[in-house]
Amino acid sequence: MILYIYNTDQMNTHANLMLNDPILNSEIKNKGFAILDELFKKHGWHLQKNEMNWINYTKFGHETCCFDIKISTEKIIVSVPLKNSMYNFVTTFKGYYEASEYIEQKFKDYVY
């Protein structure tokens, strides 16, 4: 077992660095997923990839768990982590609305 001991000043400094990180405070470039962006950030997730055609959310301490959205002209590819698993489930959608609804539901299933 490894035990880490931090004093309060170290923890506060680390928390302040995280809150001031431009990744955490960046605005989503693809406005089609702006509502999802609010939901992810509300629960402590951040954008790891923030492009018009590729969006990826993860959470500090859980970097192997990510929600991935890739947008092409023909489809939207969505990858969501499976709870209590090392695997992701991948599916495709033709439109933003269907993809957003799916991701929102899977995110809520994952965090609650």
N, C-alpha and C. Protein backbone atom coordinates (compact mmCIF):
# COMPACT_ATOMS: atom_id res chain seq x y z
N MET A 1 0.85 -1.18 0.00
CA MET A 1 0.00 0.00 0.00
C MET A 1 0.89 1.23 0.00
N ILE A 2 0.53 2.22 -0.81
CA ILE A 2 1.27 3.48 -0.87
C ILE A 2 0.40 4.55 -0.23
N LEU A 3 0.98 5.28 0.68
CA LEU A 3 0.26 6.33 1.37
C LEU A 3 0.86 7.67 0.99
N TYR A 4 0.04 8.56 0.50
CA TYR A 4 0.49 9.91 0.16
C TYR A 4 -0.04 10.87 1.21
N ILE A 5 0.83 11.72 1.69
CA ILE A 5 0.44 12.71 2.68
C ILE A 5 0.71 14.09 2.10
N TYR A 6 -0.32 14.90 2.08
CA TYR A 6 -0.20 16.27 1.57
C TYR A 6 -0.60 17.22 2.68
N ASN A 7 0.07 18.35 2.72
CA ASN A 7 -0.43 19.36 3.64
C ASN A 7 -1.48 20.18 2.91
N THR A 8 -2.25 20.94 3.66
CA THR A 8 -3.37 21.69 3.09
C THR A 8 -2.91 22.68 2.02
N ASP A 9 -1.75 23.31 2.21
CA ASP A 9 -1.26 24.28 1.22
C ASP A 9 -0.97 23.61 -0.11
N GLN A 10 -0.39 22.40 -0.08
CA GLN A 10 -0.11 21.68 -1.32
C GLN A 10 -1.41 21.31 -2.03
N MET A 11 -2.40 20.87 -1.27
CA MET A 11 -3.67 20.49 -1.87
C MET A 11 -4.36 21.71 -2.48
N ASN A 12 -4.35 22.83 -1.78
CA ASN A 12 -4.98 24.05 -2.29
C ASN A 12 -4.26 24.54 -3.54
N THR A 13 -2.94 24.47 -3.54
CA THR A 13 -2.17 24.89 -4.71
C THR A 13 -2.52 24.01 -5.90
N HIS A 14 -2.59 22.70 -5.69
CA HIS A 14 -2.93 21.78 -6.77
C HIS A 14 -4.35 22.06 -7.28
N ALA A 15 -5.29 22.29 -6.38
CA ALA A 15 -6.67 22.59 -6.78
C ALA A 15 -6.74 23.89 -7.57
N ASN A 16 -5.98 24.90 -7.13
CA ASN A 16 -5.98 26.18 -7.85
C ASN A 16 -5.36 26.05 -9.23
N LEU A 17 -4.29 25.26 -9.35
CA LEU A 17 -3.68 25.03 -10.65
C LEU A 17 -4.67 24.35 -11.59
N MET A 18 -5.42 23.38 -11.07
CA MET A 18 -6.38 22.68 -11.90
C MET A 18 -7.49 23.63 -12.35
N LEU A 19 -7.98 24.49 -11.44
CA LEU A 19 -9.06 25.41 -11.79
C LEU A 19 -8.62 26.47 -12.79
N ASN A 20 -7.34 26.82 -12.78
CA ASN A 20 -6.83 27.83 -13.71
C ASN A 20 -6.29 27.22 -15.00
N ASP A 21 -6.37 25.94 -15.14
CA ASP A 21 -5.87 25.25 -16.33
C ASP A 21 -6.71 25.65 -17.55
N PRO A 22 -6.07 26.09 -18.64
CA PRO A 22 -6.84 26.49 -19.83
C PRO A 22 -7.64 25.35 -20.43
N ILE A 23 -7.22 24.11 -20.23
CA ILE A 23 -8.00 22.98 -20.74
C ILE A 23 -9.35 22.91 -20.05
N LEU A 24 -9.35 23.11 -18.74
CA LEU A 24 -10.59 23.04 -17.99
C LEU A 24 -11.53 24.18 -18.32
N ASN A 25 -10.98 25.32 -18.65
CA ASN A 25 -11.78 26.51 -18.89
C ASN A 25 -11.99 26.81 -20.36
N SER A 26 -11.59 25.91 -21.23
CA SER A 26 -11.73 26.17 -22.65
C SER A 26 -13.19 26.03 -23.08
N GLU A 27 -13.56 26.83 -24.04
CA GLU A 27 -14.92 26.79 -24.58
C GLU A 27 -14.95 25.78 -25.71
N ILE A 28 -16.00 24.99 -25.75
CA ILE A 28 -16.10 23.97 -26.79
C ILE A 28 -16.20 24.63 -28.17
N LYS A 29 -15.43 24.12 -29.11
CA LYS A 29 -15.40 24.70 -30.45
C LYS A 29 -16.62 24.29 -31.27
N ASN A 30 -17.08 23.06 -31.12
CA ASN A 30 -18.23 22.57 -31.88
C ASN A 30 -19.49 22.85 -31.06
N LYS A 31 -20.19 23.92 -31.40
CA LYS A 31 -21.35 24.36 -30.62
C LYS A 31 -22.53 23.39 -30.68
N GLY A 32 -22.48 22.42 -31.58
CA GLY A 32 -23.53 21.41 -31.64
C GLY A 32 -23.59 20.55 -30.39
N PHE A 33 -22.51 20.56 -29.60
CA PHE A 33 -22.45 19.77 -28.37
C PHE A 33 -22.28 20.66 -27.13
N ALA A 34 -22.70 21.91 -27.22
CA ALA A 34 -22.53 22.87 -26.12
C ALA A 34 -23.27 22.45 -24.85
N ILE A 35 -24.46 21.90 -25.00
CA ILE A 35 -25.23 21.47 -23.82
C ILE A 35 -24.53 20.31 -23.13
N LEU A 36 -23.99 19.38 -23.91
CA LEU A 36 -23.22 18.28 -23.32
C LEU A 36 -22.00 18.80 -22.59
N ASP A 37 -21.36 19.81 -23.15
CA ASP A 37 -20.17 20.39 -22.54
C ASP A 37 -20.48 20.87 -21.12
N GLU A 38 -21.61 21.53 -20.95
CA GLU A 38 -22.02 22.00 -19.62
C GLU A 38 -22.20 20.83 -18.66
N LEU A 39 -22.84 19.77 -19.14
CA LEU A 39 -23.09 18.59 -18.30
C LEU A 39 -21.77 17.94 -17.86
N PHE A 40 -20.86 17.75 -18.80
CA PHE A 40 -19.58 17.13 -18.46
C PHE A 40 -18.81 17.99 -17.44
N LYS A 41 -18.72 19.27 -17.70
CA LYS A 41 -17.96 20.15 -16.81
C LYS A 41 -18.60 20.26 -15.43
N LYS A 42 -19.91 20.20 -15.37
CA LYS A 42 -20.63 20.24 -14.09
C LYS A 42 -20.21 19.07 -13.20
N HIS A 43 -19.85 17.95 -13.81
CA HIS A 43 -19.46 16.75 -13.06
C HIS A 43 -17.94 16.55 -12.99
N GLY A 44 -17.17 17.59 -13.31
CA GLY A 44 -15.72 17.54 -13.13
C GLY A 44 -14.95 16.92 -14.29
N TRP A 45 -15.59 16.72 -15.44
CA TRP A 45 -14.91 16.20 -16.61
C TRP A 45 -14.39 17.37 -17.43
N HIS A 46 -13.38 17.14 -18.23
CA HIS A 46 -12.81 18.22 -19.04
C HIS A 46 -12.53 17.75 -20.46
N LEU A 47 -12.43 18.72 -21.34
CA LEU A 47 -12.11 18.44 -22.74
C LEU A 47 -10.65 18.05 -22.86
N GLN A 48 -10.40 16.90 -23.42
CA GLN A 48 -9.04 16.49 -23.69
C GLN A 48 -8.72 16.78 -25.16
N LYS A 49 -9.73 16.67 -26.00
CA LYS A 49 -9.61 16.99 -27.42
C LYS A 49 -10.77 17.92 -27.75
N ASN A 50 -10.47 19.08 -28.31
CA ASN A 50 -11.49 20.09 -28.57
C ASN A 50 -11.33 20.63 -29.99
N GLU A 51 -11.77 19.83 -30.94
CA GLU A 51 -11.71 20.22 -32.35
C GLU A 51 -13.13 20.22 -32.91
N MET A 52 -13.32 20.81 -34.06
CA MET A 52 -14.64 20.81 -34.69
C MET A 52 -15.10 19.39 -35.03
N ASN A 53 -14.16 18.52 -35.37
CA ASN A 53 -14.53 17.17 -35.79
C ASN A 53 -14.12 16.08 -34.79
N TRP A 54 -13.61 16.47 -33.63
CA TRP A 54 -13.21 15.47 -32.63
C TRP A 54 -13.28 16.09 -31.23
N ILE A 55 -14.11 15.49 -30.39
CA ILE A 55 -14.30 15.95 -29.02
C ILE A 55 -14.06 14.75 -28.10
N ASN A 56 -13.30 14.98 -27.03
CA ASN A 56 -12.99 13.90 -26.11
C ASN A 56 -13.02 14.45 -24.69
N TYR A 57 -13.79 13.80 -23.82
CA TYR A 57 -13.87 14.19 -22.41
C TYR A 57 -13.27 13.10 -21.55
N THR A 58 -12.56 13.53 -20.51
CA THR A 58 -12.04 12.60 -19.51
C THR A 58 -12.06 13.32 -18.16
N LYS A 59 -11.68 12.61 -17.13
CA LYS A 59 -11.67 13.18 -15.78
C LYS A 59 -10.32 12.90 -15.15
N PHE A 60 -9.78 13.89 -14.43
CA PHE A 60 -8.50 13.70 -13.76
C PHE A 60 -8.58 12.50 -12.82
N GLY A 61 -7.59 11.65 -12.90
CA GLY A 61 -7.56 10.43 -12.09
C GLY A 61 -8.23 9.25 -12.77
N HIS A 62 -8.94 9.52 -13.86
CA HIS A 62 -9.64 8.47 -14.60
C HIS A 62 -9.40 8.65 -16.10
N GLU A 63 -8.17 8.93 -16.47
CA GLU A 63 -7.84 9.28 -17.85
C GLU A 63 -8.10 8.16 -18.85
N THR A 64 -8.20 6.93 -18.38
CA THR A 64 -8.47 5.83 -19.31
C THR A 64 -9.96 5.72 -19.63
N CYS A 65 -10.79 6.40 -18.87
CA CYS A 65 -12.23 6.44 -19.14
C CYS A 65 -12.53 7.73 -19.89
N CYS A 66 -13.02 7.59 -21.11
CA CYS A 66 -13.30 8.80 -21.87
C CYS A 66 -14.53 8.62 -22.75
N PHE A 67 -15.17 9.74 -23.00
CA PHE A 67 -16.26 9.83 -23.95
C PHE A 67 -15.69 10.50 -25.18
N ASP A 68 -15.80 9.84 -26.31
CA ASP A 68 -15.15 10.28 -27.54
C ASP A 68 -16.21 10.50 -28.62
N ILE A 69 -16.13 11.65 -29.30
CA ILE A 69 -17.07 11.98 -30.37
C ILE A 69 -16.27 12.39 -31.59
N LYS A 70 -16.46 11.67 -32.69
CA LYS A 70 -15.78 12.02 -33.94
C LYS A 70 -16.85 12.32 -34.99
N ILE A 71 -16.73 13.48 -35.63
CA ILE A 71 -17.72 13.95 -36.57
C ILE A 71 -17.16 13.96 -37.98
N SER A 72 -17.87 13.27 -38.89
CA SER A 72 -17.51 13.33 -40.30
C SER A 72 -18.73 13.85 -41.06
N THR A 73 -18.62 13.98 -42.35
CA THR A 73 -19.75 14.48 -43.14
C THR A 73 -20.89 13.46 -43.21
N GLU A 74 -20.57 12.18 -43.07
CA GLU A 74 -21.59 11.13 -43.19
C GLU A 74 -22.18 10.69 -41.86
N LYS A 75 -21.39 10.76 -40.77
CA LYS A 75 -21.86 10.20 -39.50
C LYS A 75 -21.11 10.80 -38.32
N ILE A 76 -21.67 10.52 -37.14
CA ILE A 76 -21.04 10.90 -35.87
C ILE A 76 -20.74 9.59 -35.15
N ILE A 77 -19.47 9.36 -34.86
CA ILE A 77 -19.04 8.14 -34.17
C ILE A 77 -18.88 8.47 -32.69
N VAL A 78 -19.57 7.71 -31.86
CA VAL A 78 -19.57 7.95 -30.42
C VAL A 78 -19.00 6.73 -29.71
N SER A 79 -18.07 6.98 -28.81
CA SER A 79 -17.48 5.93 -27.98
C SER A 79 -17.71 6.30 -26.52
N VAL A 80 -18.35 5.40 -25.77
CA VAL A 80 -18.63 5.65 -24.36
C VAL A 80 -18.04 4.53 -23.51
N PRO A 81 -17.52 4.86 -22.33
CA PRO A 81 -16.96 3.81 -21.48
C PRO A 81 -18.07 2.97 -20.86
N LEU A 82 -17.79 1.70 -20.70
CA LEU A 82 -18.71 0.81 -20.02
C LEU A 82 -18.38 0.83 -18.53
N LYS A 83 -19.39 1.05 -17.71
CA LYS A 83 -19.19 1.14 -16.27
C LYS A 83 -18.57 -0.14 -15.73
N ASN A 84 -17.59 0.00 -14.84
CA ASN A 84 -16.90 -1.12 -14.22
C ASN A 84 -16.23 -2.04 -15.24
N SER A 85 -15.69 -1.46 -16.30
CA SER A 85 -15.06 -2.22 -17.36
C SER A 85 -13.91 -1.42 -17.94
N MET A 86 -13.01 -2.11 -18.62
CA MET A 86 -11.90 -1.44 -19.30
C MET A 86 -12.25 -1.14 -20.76
N TYR A 87 -13.49 -1.45 -21.16
CA TYR A 87 -13.87 -1.34 -22.56
C TYR A 87 -14.81 -0.18 -22.82
N ASN A 88 -14.85 0.26 -24.07
CA ASN A 88 -15.79 1.27 -24.53
C ASN A 88 -16.75 0.64 -25.53
N PHE A 89 -17.94 1.21 -25.61
CA PHE A 89 -18.91 0.81 -26.61
C PHE A 89 -18.93 1.89 -27.69
N VAL A 90 -18.89 1.49 -28.94
CA VAL A 90 -18.85 2.43 -30.06
C VAL A 90 -20.09 2.25 -30.92
N THR A 91 -20.71 3.37 -31.29
CA THR A 91 -21.87 3.35 -32.16
C THR A 91 -21.85 4.59 -33.04
N THR A 92 -22.71 4.64 -34.03
CA THR A 92 -22.75 5.79 -34.95
C THR A 92 -24.15 6.38 -35.04
N PHE A 93 -24.20 7.66 -35.39
CA PHE A 93 -25.45 8.39 -35.57
C PHE A 93 -25.34 9.25 -36.81
N LYS A 94 -26.51 9.60 -37.36
CA LYS A 94 -26.53 10.45 -38.55
C LYS A 94 -26.62 11.93 -38.19
N GLY A 95 -27.12 12.24 -36.99
CA GLY A 95 -27.31 13.63 -36.62
C GLY A 95 -26.87 13.96 -35.21
N TYR A 96 -26.70 15.26 -34.97
CA TYR A 96 -26.26 15.77 -33.68
C TYR A 96 -27.26 15.46 -32.57
N TYR A 97 -28.55 15.65 -32.85
CA TYR A 97 -29.55 15.47 -31.81
C TYR A 97 -29.53 14.06 -31.23
N GLU A 98 -29.57 13.06 -32.11
CA GLU A 98 -29.56 11.68 -31.66
C GLU A 98 -28.28 11.35 -30.91
N ALA A 99 -27.15 11.82 -31.41
CA ALA A 99 -25.87 11.58 -30.75
C ALA A 99 -25.84 12.23 -29.37
N SER A 100 -26.31 13.47 -29.28
CA SER A 100 -26.32 14.19 -28.00
C SER A 100 -27.20 13.51 -26.97
N GLU A 101 -28.39 13.10 -27.39
CA GLU A 101 -29.31 12.42 -26.48
C GLU A 101 -28.69 11.13 -25.96
N TYR A 102 -28.08 10.37 -26.84
CA TYR A 102 -27.44 9.11 -26.46
C TYR A 102 -26.29 9.34 -25.47
N ILE A 103 -25.43 10.29 -25.79
CA ILE A 103 -24.28 10.57 -24.93
C ILE A 103 -24.74 11.05 -23.56
N GLU A 104 -25.73 11.93 -23.53
CA GLU A 104 -26.25 12.42 -22.25
C GLU A 104 -26.75 11.27 -21.38
N GLN A 105 -27.52 10.37 -21.97
CA GLN A 105 -28.05 9.24 -21.20
C GLN A 105 -26.93 8.32 -20.72
N LYS A 106 -25.99 8.01 -21.58
CA LYS A 106 -24.88 7.12 -21.21
C LYS A 106 -23.98 7.77 -20.16
N PHE A 107 -23.80 9.08 -20.25
CA PHE A 107 -22.99 9.79 -19.25
C PHE A 107 -23.68 9.72 -17.88
N LYS A 108 -24.98 9.97 -17.85
CA LYS A 108 -25.72 9.89 -16.58
C LYS A 108 -25.68 8.48 -16.02
N ASP A 109 -25.82 7.48 -16.88
CA ASP A 109 -25.72 6.08 -16.42
C ASP A 109 -24.32 5.81 -15.84
N TYR A 110 -23.33 6.42 -16.44
CA TYR A 110 -21.94 6.17 -16.02
C TYR A 110 -21.61 6.85 -14.68
N VAL A 111 -22.05 8.08 -14.48
CA VAL A 111 -21.66 8.82 -13.28
C VAL A 111 -22.57 8.59 -12.09
N TYR A 112 -23.79 8.11 -12.31
CA TYR A 112 -24.71 7.90 -11.17
C TYR A 112 -24.77 6.45 -10.78
